[in-house]
mmCIF file of all heavy atoms, coordinates in Angstrom:
data_MODEL
# 
_entry.id   MODEL 
# 
loop_
_atom_site.group_PDB 
_atom_site.id 
_atom_site.type_symbol 
_atom_site.label_atom_id 
_atom_site.label_alt_id 
_atom_site.label_comp_id 
_atom_site.label_asym_id 
_atom_site.label_entity_id 
_atom_site.label_seq_id 
_atom_site.pdbx_PDB_ins_code 
_atom_site.Cartn_x 
_atom_site.Cartn_y 
_atom_site.Cartn_z 
_atom_site.occupancy 
_atom_site.B_iso_or_equiv 
_atom_site.pdbx_formal_charge 
_atom_site.auth_seq_id 
_atom_site.auth_comp_id 
_atom_site.auth_asym_id 
_atom_site.auth_atom_id 
_atom_site.pdbx_PDB_model_num 
ATOM 1   N N   . ALA A 1 1  ? 125.747 100.845 90.156  1.00 0.00 ? 1  ALA A N   1 
ATOM 2   C CA  . ALA A 1 1  ? 125.956 100.123 88.899  1.00 0.00 ? 1  ALA A CA  1 
ATOM 3   C C   . ALA A 1 1  ? 124.783 99.174  88.697  1.00 0.00 ? 1  ALA A C   1 
ATOM 4   O O   . ALA A 1 1  ? 124.946 98.023  88.306  1.00 0.00 ? 1  ALA A O   1 
ATOM 5   C CB  . ALA A 1 1  ? 127.272 99.356  88.952  1.00 0.00 ? 1  ALA A CB  1 
ATOM 6   N N   . ILE A 1 2  ? 123.624 99.681  88.975  1.00 0.00 ? 2  ILE A N   1 
ATOM 7   C CA  . ILE A 1 2  ? 122.416 98.875  89.055  1.00 0.00 ? 2  ILE A CA  1 
ATOM 8   C C   . ILE A 1 2  ? 121.501 99.193  87.866  1.00 0.00 ? 2  ILE A C   1 
ATOM 9   O O   . ILE A 1 2  ? 121.635 100.236 87.235  1.00 0.00 ? 2  ILE A O   1 
ATOM 10  C CB  . ILE A 1 2  ? 121.702 99.165  90.404  1.00 0.00 ? 2  ILE A CB  1 
ATOM 11  C CG1 . ILE A 1 2  ? 120.665 98.110  90.740  1.00 0.00 ? 2  ILE A CG1 1 
ATOM 12  C CG2 . ILE A 1 2  ? 121.147 100.572 90.434  1.00 0.00 ? 2  ILE A CG2 1 
ATOM 13  C CD1 . ILE A 1 2  ? 120.129 98.246  92.157  1.00 0.00 ? 2  ILE A CD1 1 
ATOM 14  N N   . GLY A 1 3  ? 120.576 98.305  87.567  1.00 0.00 ? 3  GLY A N   1 
ATOM 15  C CA  . GLY A 1 3  ? 119.649 98.554  86.464  1.00 0.00 ? 3  GLY A CA  1 
ATOM 16  C C   . GLY A 1 3  ? 118.509 97.548  86.501  1.00 0.00 ? 3  GLY A C   1 
ATOM 17  O O   . GLY A 1 3  ? 118.468 96.666  87.366  1.00 0.00 ? 3  GLY A O   1 
ATOM 18  N N   . PRO A 1 4  ? 117.559 97.667  85.554  1.00 0.00 ? 4  PRO A N   1 
ATOM 19  C CA  . PRO A 1 4  ? 117.510 98.701  84.505  1.00 0.00 ? 4  PRO A CA  1 
ATOM 20  C C   . PRO A 1 4  ? 117.002 100.037 85.050  1.00 0.00 ? 4  PRO A C   1 
ATOM 21  O O   . PRO A 1 4  ? 115.993 100.085 85.766  1.00 0.00 ? 4  PRO A O   1 
ATOM 22  C CB  . PRO A 1 4  ? 116.530 98.119  83.478  1.00 0.00 ? 4  PRO A CB  1 
ATOM 23  C CG  . PRO A 1 4  ? 115.646 97.203  84.280  1.00 0.00 ? 4  PRO A CG  1 
ATOM 24  C CD  . PRO A 1 4  ? 116.500 96.657  85.392  1.00 0.00 ? 4  PRO A CD  1 
ATOM 25  N N   . MET A 1 5  ? 117.678 101.113 84.688  1.00 0.00 ? 5  MET A N   1 
ATOM 26  C CA  . MET A 1 5  ? 117.351 102.429 85.222  1.00 0.00 ? 5  MET A CA  1 
ATOM 27  C C   . MET A 1 5  ? 116.015 102.937 84.708  1.00 0.00 ? 5  MET A C   1 
ATOM 28  O O   . MET A 1 5  ? 115.383 103.780 85.351  1.00 0.00 ? 5  MET A O   1 
ATOM 29  C CB  . MET A 1 5  ? 118.469 103.420 84.881  1.00 0.00 ? 5  MET A CB  1 
ATOM 30  C CG  . MET A 1 5  ? 119.771 103.166 85.628  1.00 0.00 ? 5  MET A CG  1 
ATOM 31  S SD  . MET A 1 5  ? 119.583 103.161 87.425  1.00 0.00 ? 5  MET A SD  1 
ATOM 32  C CE  . MET A 1 5  ? 119.039 104.837 87.723  1.00 0.00 ? 5  MET A CE  1 
ATOM 33  N N   . GLU A 1 6  ? 115.556 102.442 83.549  1.00 0.00 ? 6  GLU A N   1 
ATOM 34  C CA  . GLU A 1 6  ? 114.237 102.837 83.032  1.00 0.00 ? 6  GLU A CA  1 
ATOM 35  C C   . GLU A 1 6  ? 113.143 102.530 84.054  1.00 0.00 ? 6  GLU A C   1 
ATOM 36  O O   . GLU A 1 6  ? 112.132 103.235 84.111  1.00 0.00 ? 6  GLU A O   1 
ATOM 37  C CB  . GLU A 1 6  ? 113.925 102.104 81.721  1.00 0.00 ? 6  GLU A CB  1 
ATOM 38  C CG  . GLU A 1 6  ? 114.720 102.596 80.527  1.00 0.00 ? 6  GLU A CG  1 
ATOM 39  C CD  . GLU A 1 6  ? 116.147 102.084 80.533  1.00 0.00 ? 6  GLU A CD  1 
ATOM 40  O OE1 . GLU A 1 6  ? 116.439 101.101 81.253  1.00 0.00 ? 6  GLU A OE1 1 
ATOM 41  O OE2 . GLU A 1 6  ? 116.984 102.666 79.831  1.00 0.00 ? 6  GLU A OE2 1 
ATOM 42  N N   . ARG A 1 7  ? 113.368 101.503 84.853  1.00 0.00 ? 7  ARG A N   1 
ATOM 43  C CA  . ARG A 1 7  ? 112.371 101.101 85.855  1.00 0.00 ? 7  ARG A CA  1 
ATOM 44  C C   . ARG A 1 7  ? 112.712 101.612 87.252  1.00 0.00 ? 7  ARG A C   1 
ATOM 45  O O   . ARG A 1 7  ? 111.826 101.950 88.025  1.00 0.00 ? 7  ARG A O   1 
ATOM 46  C CB  . ARG A 1 7  ? 112.235 99.576  85.864  1.00 0.00 ? 7  ARG A CB  1 
ATOM 47  C CG  . ARG A 1 7  ? 111.714 99.055  84.530  1.00 0.00 ? 7  ARG A CG  1 
ATOM 48  C CD  . ARG A 1 7  ? 111.514 97.560  84.534  1.00 0.00 ? 7  ARG A CD  1 
ATOM 49  N NE  . ARG A 1 7  ? 110.996 97.104  83.247  1.00 0.00 ? 7  ARG A NE  1 
ATOM 50  C CZ  . ARG A 1 7  ? 110.781 95.834  82.931  1.00 0.00 ? 7  ARG A CZ  1 
ATOM 51  N NH1 . ARG A 1 7  ? 111.051 94.886  83.817  1.00 0.00 ? 7  ARG A NH1 1 
ATOM 52  N NH2 . ARG A 1 7  ? 110.316 95.512  81.744  1.00 0.00 ? 7  ARG A NH2 1 
ATOM 53  N N   . LEU A 1 8  ? 113.987 101.662 87.555  1.00 0.00 ? 8  LEU A N   1 
ATOM 54  C CA  . LEU A 1 8  ? 114.384 102.122 88.889  1.00 0.00 ? 8  LEU A CA  1 
ATOM 55  C C   . LEU A 1 8  ? 114.228 103.620 89.048  1.00 0.00 ? 8  LEU A C   1 
ATOM 56  O O   . LEU A 1 8  ? 113.956 104.110 90.155  1.00 0.00 ? 8  LEU A O   1 
ATOM 57  C CB  . LEU A 1 8  ? 115.843 101.730 89.161  1.00 0.00 ? 8  LEU A CB  1 
ATOM 58  C CG  . LEU A 1 8  ? 116.136 100.239 89.269  1.00 0.00 ? 8  LEU A CG  1 
ATOM 59  C CD1 . LEU A 1 8  ? 117.622 100.002 89.385  1.00 0.00 ? 8  LEU A CD1 1 
ATOM 60  C CD2 . LEU A 1 8  ? 115.408 99.633  90.462  1.00 0.00 ? 8  LEU A CD2 1 
ATOM 61  N N   . GLN A 1 9  ? 114.428 104.364 87.946  1.00 0.00 ? 9  GLN A N   1 
ATOM 62  C CA  . GLN A 1 9  ? 114.367 105.821 87.970  1.00 0.00 ? 9  GLN A CA  1 
ATOM 63  C C   . GLN A 1 9  ? 115.312 106.372 89.056  1.00 0.00 ? 9  GLN A C   1 
ATOM 64  O O   . GLN A 1 9  ? 116.480 106.005 89.083  1.00 0.00 ? 9  GLN A O   1 
ATOM 65  C CB  . GLN A 1 9  ? 112.920 106.277 88.172  1.00 0.00 ? 9  GLN A CB  1 
ATOM 66  C CG  . GLN A 1 9  ? 111.991 105.887 87.008  1.00 0.00 ? 9  GLN A CG  1 
ATOM 67  C CD  . GLN A 1 9  ? 112.274 106.638 85.732  1.00 0.00 ? 9  GLN A CD  1 
ATOM 68  O OE1 . GLN A 1 9  ? 112.164 107.860 85.673  1.00 0.00 ? 9  GLN A OE1 1 
ATOM 69  N NE2 . GLN A 1 9  ? 112.631 105.895 84.674  1.00 0.00 ? 9  GLN A NE2 1 
ATOM 70  N N   . ALA A 1 10 ? 114.818 107.211 89.951  1.00 0.00 ? 10 ALA A N   1 
ATOM 71  C CA  . ALA A 1 10 ? 115.692 107.829 90.956  1.00 0.00 ? 10 ALA A CA  1 
ATOM 72  C C   . ALA A 1 10 ? 115.591 107.168 92.323  1.00 0.00 ? 10 ALA A C   1 
ATOM 73  O O   . ALA A 1 10 ? 116.091 107.704 93.318  1.00 0.00 ? 10 ALA A O   1 
ATOM 74  C CB  . ALA A 1 10 ? 115.353 109.316 91.079  1.00 0.00 ? 10 ALA A CB  1 
ATOM 75  N N   . SER A 1 11 ? 114.959 105.996 92.395  1.00 0.00 ? 11 SER A N   1 
ATOM 76  C CA  . SER A 1 11 ? 114.743 105.363 93.702  1.00 0.00 ? 11 SER A CA  1 
ATOM 77  C C   . SER A 1 11 ? 116.042 105.058 94.455  1.00 0.00 ? 11 SER A C   1 
ATOM 78  O O   . SER A 1 11 ? 116.110 105.319 95.672  1.00 0.00 ? 11 SER A O   1 
ATOM 79  C CB  . SER A 1 11 ? 113.894 104.094 93.543  1.00 0.00 ? 11 SER A CB  1 
ATOM 80  O OG  . SER A 1 11 ? 114.500 103.181 92.657  1.00 0.00 ? 11 SER A OG  1 
ATOM 81  N N   . PRO A 1 12 ? 117.106 104.522 93.833  1.00 0.00 ? 12 PRO A N   1 
ATOM 82  C CA  . PRO A 1 12 ? 118.329 104.277 94.613  1.00 0.00 ? 12 PRO A CA  1 
ATOM 83  C C   . PRO A 1 12 ? 118.999 105.566 95.074  1.00 0.00 ? 12 PRO A C   1 
ATOM 84  O O   . PRO A 1 12 ? 119.634 105.602 96.128  1.00 0.00 ? 12 PRO A O   1 
ATOM 85  C CB  . PRO A 1 12 ? 119.214 103.487 93.648  1.00 0.00 ? 12 PRO A CB  1 
ATOM 86  C CG  . PRO A 1 12 ? 118.686 103.781 92.292  1.00 0.00 ? 12 PRO A CG  1 
ATOM 87  C CD  . PRO A 1 12 ? 117.232 104.010 92.452  1.00 0.00 ? 12 PRO A CD  1 
ATOM 88  N N   . HIS A 1 13 ? 118.845 106.643 94.307  1.00 0.00 ? 13 HIS A N   1 
ATOM 89  C CA  . HIS A 1 13 ? 119.431 107.929 94.697  1.00 0.00 ? 13 HIS A CA  1 
ATOM 90  C C   . HIS A 1 13 ? 118.726 108.495 95.930  1.00 0.00 ? 13 HIS A C   1 
ATOM 91  O O   . HIS A 1 13 ? 119.382 109.077 96.813  1.00 0.00 ? 13 HIS A O   1 
ATOM 92  C CB  . HIS A 1 13 ? 119.328 108.916 93.530  1.00 0.00 ? 13 HIS A CB  1 
ATOM 93  C CG  . HIS A 1 13 ? 119.953 108.443 92.250  1.00 0.00 ? 13 HIS A CG  1 
ATOM 94  N ND1 . HIS A 1 13 ? 119.362 107.478 91.461  1.00 0.00 ? 13 HIS A ND1 1 
ATOM 95  C CD2 . HIS A 1 13 ? 121.110 108.784 91.630  1.00 0.00 ? 13 HIS A CD2 1 
ATOM 96  C CE1 . HIS A 1 13 ? 120.121 107.259 90.401  1.00 0.00 ? 13 HIS A CE1 1 
ATOM 97  N NE2 . HIS A 1 13 ? 121.190 108.030 90.487  1.00 0.00 ? 13 HIS A NE2 1 
ATOM 98  N N   . LYS A 1 14 ? 117.433 108.313 95.979  1.00 0.00 ? 14 LYS A N   1 
ATOM 99  C CA  . LYS A 1 14 ? 116.684 108.786 97.135  1.00 0.00 ? 14 LYS A CA  1 
ATOM 100 C C   . LYS A 1 14 ? 117.122 108.054 98.402  1.00 0.00 ? 14 LYS A C   1 
ATOM 101 O O   . LYS A 1 14 ? 117.178 108.646 99.492  1.00 0.00 ? 14 LYS A O   1 
ATOM 102 C CB  . LYS A 1 14 ? 115.186 108.589 96.899  1.00 0.00 ? 14 LYS A CB  1 
ATOM 103 C CG  . LYS A 1 14 ? 114.619 109.496 95.804  1.00 0.00 ? 14 LYS A CG  1 
ATOM 104 C CD  . LYS A 1 14 ? 113.150 109.213 95.557  1.00 0.00 ? 14 LYS A CD  1 
ATOM 105 C CE  . LYS A 1 14 ? 112.588 110.104 94.452  1.00 0.00 ? 14 LYS A CE  1 
ATOM 106 N NZ  . LYS A 1 14 ? 111.160 109.798 94.163  1.00 0.00 ? 14 LYS A NZ  1 
ATOM 107 N N   . LEU A 1 15 ? 117.439 106.769 98.263  1.00 0.00 ? 15 LEU A N   1 
ATOM 108 C CA  . LEU A 1 15 ? 117.928 106.003 99.418  1.00 0.00 ? 15 LEU A CA  1 
ATOM 109 C C   . LEU A 1 15 ? 119.252 106.576 99.911  1.00 0.00 ? 15 LEU A C   1 
ATOM 110 O O   . LEU A 1 15 ? 119.484 106.681 101.130 1.00 0.00 ? 15 LEU A O   1 
ATOM 111 C CB  . LEU A 1 15 ? 118.100 104.530 99.039  1.00 0.00 ? 15 LEU A CB  1 
ATOM 112 C CG  . LEU A 1 15 ? 116.833 103.762 98.656  1.00 0.00 ? 15 LEU A CG  1 
ATOM 113 C CD1 . LEU A 1 15 ? 117.187 102.351 98.199  1.00 0.00 ? 15 LEU A CD1 1 
ATOM 114 C CD2 . LEU A 1 15 ? 115.858 103.711 99.831  1.00 0.00 ? 15 LEU A CD2 1 
ATOM 115 N N   . CYS A 1 16 ? 120.116 106.949 98.971  1.00 0.00 ? 16 CYS A N   1 
ATOM 116 C CA  . CYS A 1 16 ? 121.415 107.530 99.351  1.00 0.00 ? 16 CYS A CA  1 
ATOM 117 C C   . CYS A 1 16 ? 121.217 108.874 100.053 1.00 0.00 ? 16 CYS A C   1 
ATOM 118 O O   . CYS A 1 16 ? 121.919 109.177 101.033 1.00 0.00 ? 16 CYS A O   1 
ATOM 119 C CB  . CYS A 1 16 ? 122.291 107.711 98.112  1.00 0.00 ? 16 CYS A CB  1 
ATOM 120 S SG  . CYS A 1 16 ? 122.831 106.154 97.361  1.00 0.00 ? 16 CYS A SG  1 
ATOM 121 N N   . LEU A 1 17 ? 120.269 109.674 99.575  1.00 0.00 ? 17 LEU A N   1 
ATOM 122 C CA  . LEU A 1 17 ? 119.996 110.959 100.221 1.00 0.00 ? 17 LEU A CA  1 
ATOM 123 C C   . LEU A 1 17 ? 119.488 110.751 101.647 1.00 0.00 ? 17 LEU A C   1 
ATOM 124 O O   . LEU A 1 17 ? 119.902 111.459 102.575 1.00 0.00 ? 17 LEU A O   1 
ATOM 125 C CB  . LEU A 1 17 ? 118.969 111.747 99.409  1.00 0.00 ? 17 LEU A CB  1 
ATOM 126 C CG  . LEU A 1 17 ? 119.430 112.314 98.056  1.00 0.00 ? 17 LEU A CG  1 
ATOM 127 C CD1 . LEU A 1 17 ? 118.307 113.107 97.401  1.00 0.00 ? 17 LEU A CD1 1 
ATOM 128 C CD2 . LEU A 1 17 ? 120.667 113.201 98.233  1.00 0.00 ? 17 LEU A CD2 1 
ATOM 129 N N   . GLU A 1 18 ? 118.605 109.780 101.798 1.00 0.00 ? 18 GLU A N   1 
ATOM 130 C CA  . GLU A 1 18 ? 118.088 109.502 103.136 1.00 0.00 ? 18 GLU A CA  1 
ATOM 131 C C   . GLU A 1 18 ? 119.189 109.000 104.062 1.00 0.00 ? 18 GLU A C   1 
ATOM 132 O O   . GLU A 1 18 ? 119.170 109.271 105.269 1.00 0.00 ? 18 GLU A O   1 
ATOM 133 C CB  . GLU A 1 18 ? 116.959 108.472 103.063 1.00 0.00 ? 18 GLU A CB  1 
ATOM 134 C CG  . GLU A 1 18 ? 115.667 108.997 102.467 1.00 0.00 ? 18 GLU A CG  1 
ATOM 135 C CD  . GLU A 1 18 ? 115.103 110.150 103.272 1.00 0.00 ? 18 GLU A CD  1 
ATOM 136 O OE1 . GLU A 1 18 ? 115.085 110.063 104.520 1.00 0.00 ? 18 GLU A OE1 1 
ATOM 137 O OE2 . GLU A 1 18 ? 114.694 111.162 102.660 1.00 0.00 ? 18 GLU A OE2 1 
ATOM 138 N N   . ALA A 1 19 ? 120.152 108.293 103.489 1.00 0.00 ? 19 ALA A N   1 
ATOM 139 C CA  . ALA A 1 19 ? 121.274 107.793 104.298 1.00 0.00 ? 19 ALA A CA  1 
ATOM 140 C C   . ALA A 1 19 ? 122.319 108.871 104.531 1.00 0.00 ? 19 ALA A C   1 
ATOM 141 O O   . ALA A 1 19 ? 123.219 108.702 105.363 1.00 0.00 ? 19 ALA A O   1 
ATOM 142 C CB  . ALA A 1 19 ? 121.901 106.583 103.610 1.00 0.00 ? 19 ALA A CB  1 
ATOM 143 N N   . GLY A 1 20 ? 122.228 109.972 103.767 1.00 0.00 ? 20 GLY A N   1 
ATOM 144 C CA  . GLY A 1 20 ? 123.166 111.082 103.936 1.00 0.00 ? 20 GLY A CA  1 
ATOM 145 C C   . GLY A 1 20 ? 124.532 110.835 103.327 1.00 0.00 ? 20 GLY A C   1 
ATOM 146 O O   . GLY A 1 20 ? 125.538 111.332 103.856 1.00 0.00 ? 20 GLY A O   1 
ATOM 147 N N   . ILE A 1 21 ? 124.585 110.088 102.215 1.00 0.00 ? 21 ILE A N   1 
ATOM 148 C CA  . ILE A 1 21 ? 125.880 109.808 101.587 1.00 0.00 ? 21 ILE A CA  1 
ATOM 149 C C   . ILE A 1 21 ? 125.865 110.239 100.123 1.00 0.00 ? 21 ILE A C   1 
ATOM 150 O O   . ILE A 1 21 ? 124.811 110.376 99.495  1.00 0.00 ? 21 ILE A O   1 
ATOM 151 C CB  . ILE A 1 21 ? 126.256 108.314 101.667 1.00 0.00 ? 21 ILE A CB  1 
ATOM 152 C CG1 . ILE A 1 21 ? 125.305 107.460 100.827 1.00 0.00 ? 21 ILE A CG1 1 
ATOM 153 C CG2 . ILE A 1 21 ? 126.285 107.850 103.109 1.00 0.00 ? 21 ILE A CG2 1 
ATOM 154 C CD1 . ILE A 1 21 ? 125.769 106.009 100.692 1.00 0.00 ? 21 ILE A CD1 1 
ATOM 155 N N   . ASP A 1 22 ? 127.044 110.463 99.565  1.00 0.00 ? 22 ASP A N   1 
ATOM 156 C CA  . ASP A 1 22 ? 127.198 110.800 98.150  1.00 0.00 ? 22 ASP A CA  1 
ATOM 157 C C   . ASP A 1 22 ? 127.004 109.558 97.295  1.00 0.00 ? 22 ASP A C   1 
ATOM 158 O O   . ASP A 1 22 ? 127.164 108.420 97.776  1.00 0.00 ? 22 ASP A O   1 
ATOM 159 C CB  . ASP A 1 22 ? 128.585 111.378 97.883  1.00 0.00 ? 22 ASP A CB  1 
ATOM 160 C CG  . ASP A 1 22 ? 128.802 112.717 98.563  1.00 0.00 ? 22 ASP A CG  1 
ATOM 161 O OD1 . ASP A 1 22 ? 127.812 113.306 99.040  1.00 0.00 ? 22 ASP A OD1 1 
ATOM 162 O OD2 . ASP A 1 22 ? 129.965 113.169 98.618  1.00 0.00 ? 22 ASP A OD2 1 
ATOM 163 N N   . CYS A 1 23 ? 126.686 109.771 96.023  1.00 0.00 ? 23 CYS A N   1 
ATOM 164 C CA  . CYS A 1 23 ? 126.596 108.628 95.111  1.00 0.00 ? 23 CYS A CA  1 
ATOM 165 C C   . CYS A 1 23 ? 127.010 109.011 93.696  1.00 0.00 ? 23 CYS A C   1 
ATOM 166 O O   . CYS A 1 23 ? 126.950 110.186 93.300  1.00 0.00 ? 23 CYS A O   1 
ATOM 167 C CB  . CYS A 1 23 ? 125.202 108.003 95.119  1.00 0.00 ? 23 CYS A CB  1 
ATOM 168 S SG  . CYS A 1 23 ? 123.906 109.018 94.406  1.00 0.00 ? 23 CYS A SG  1 
ATOM 169 N N   . ILE A 1 24 ? 127.462 108.014 92.964  1.00 0.00 ? 24 ILE A N   1 
ATOM 170 C CA  . ILE A 1 24 ? 127.848 108.139 91.554  1.00 0.00 ? 24 ILE A CA  1 
ATOM 171 C C   . ILE A 1 24 ? 127.075 107.073 90.798  1.00 0.00 ? 24 ILE A C   1 
ATOM 172 O O   . ILE A 1 24 ? 127.033 105.918 91.228  1.00 0.00 ? 24 ILE A O   1 
ATOM 173 C CB  . ILE A 1 24 ? 129.363 107.902 91.356  1.00 0.00 ? 24 ILE A CB  1 
ATOM 174 C CG1 . ILE A 1 24 ? 130.183 108.919 92.148  1.00 0.00 ? 24 ILE A CG1 1 
ATOM 175 C CG2 . ILE A 1 24 ? 129.740 107.939 89.874  1.00 0.00 ? 24 ILE A CG2 1 
ATOM 176 C CD1 . ILE A 1 24 ? 131.668 108.566 92.230  1.00 0.00 ? 24 ILE A CD1 1 
# 
């Protein structure tokens, strides 16, 4: 539930992938 996504892009999702967990 983080932002602004225009600047973050996919960076938080990549962290979740590296941690091996699902995300919404």
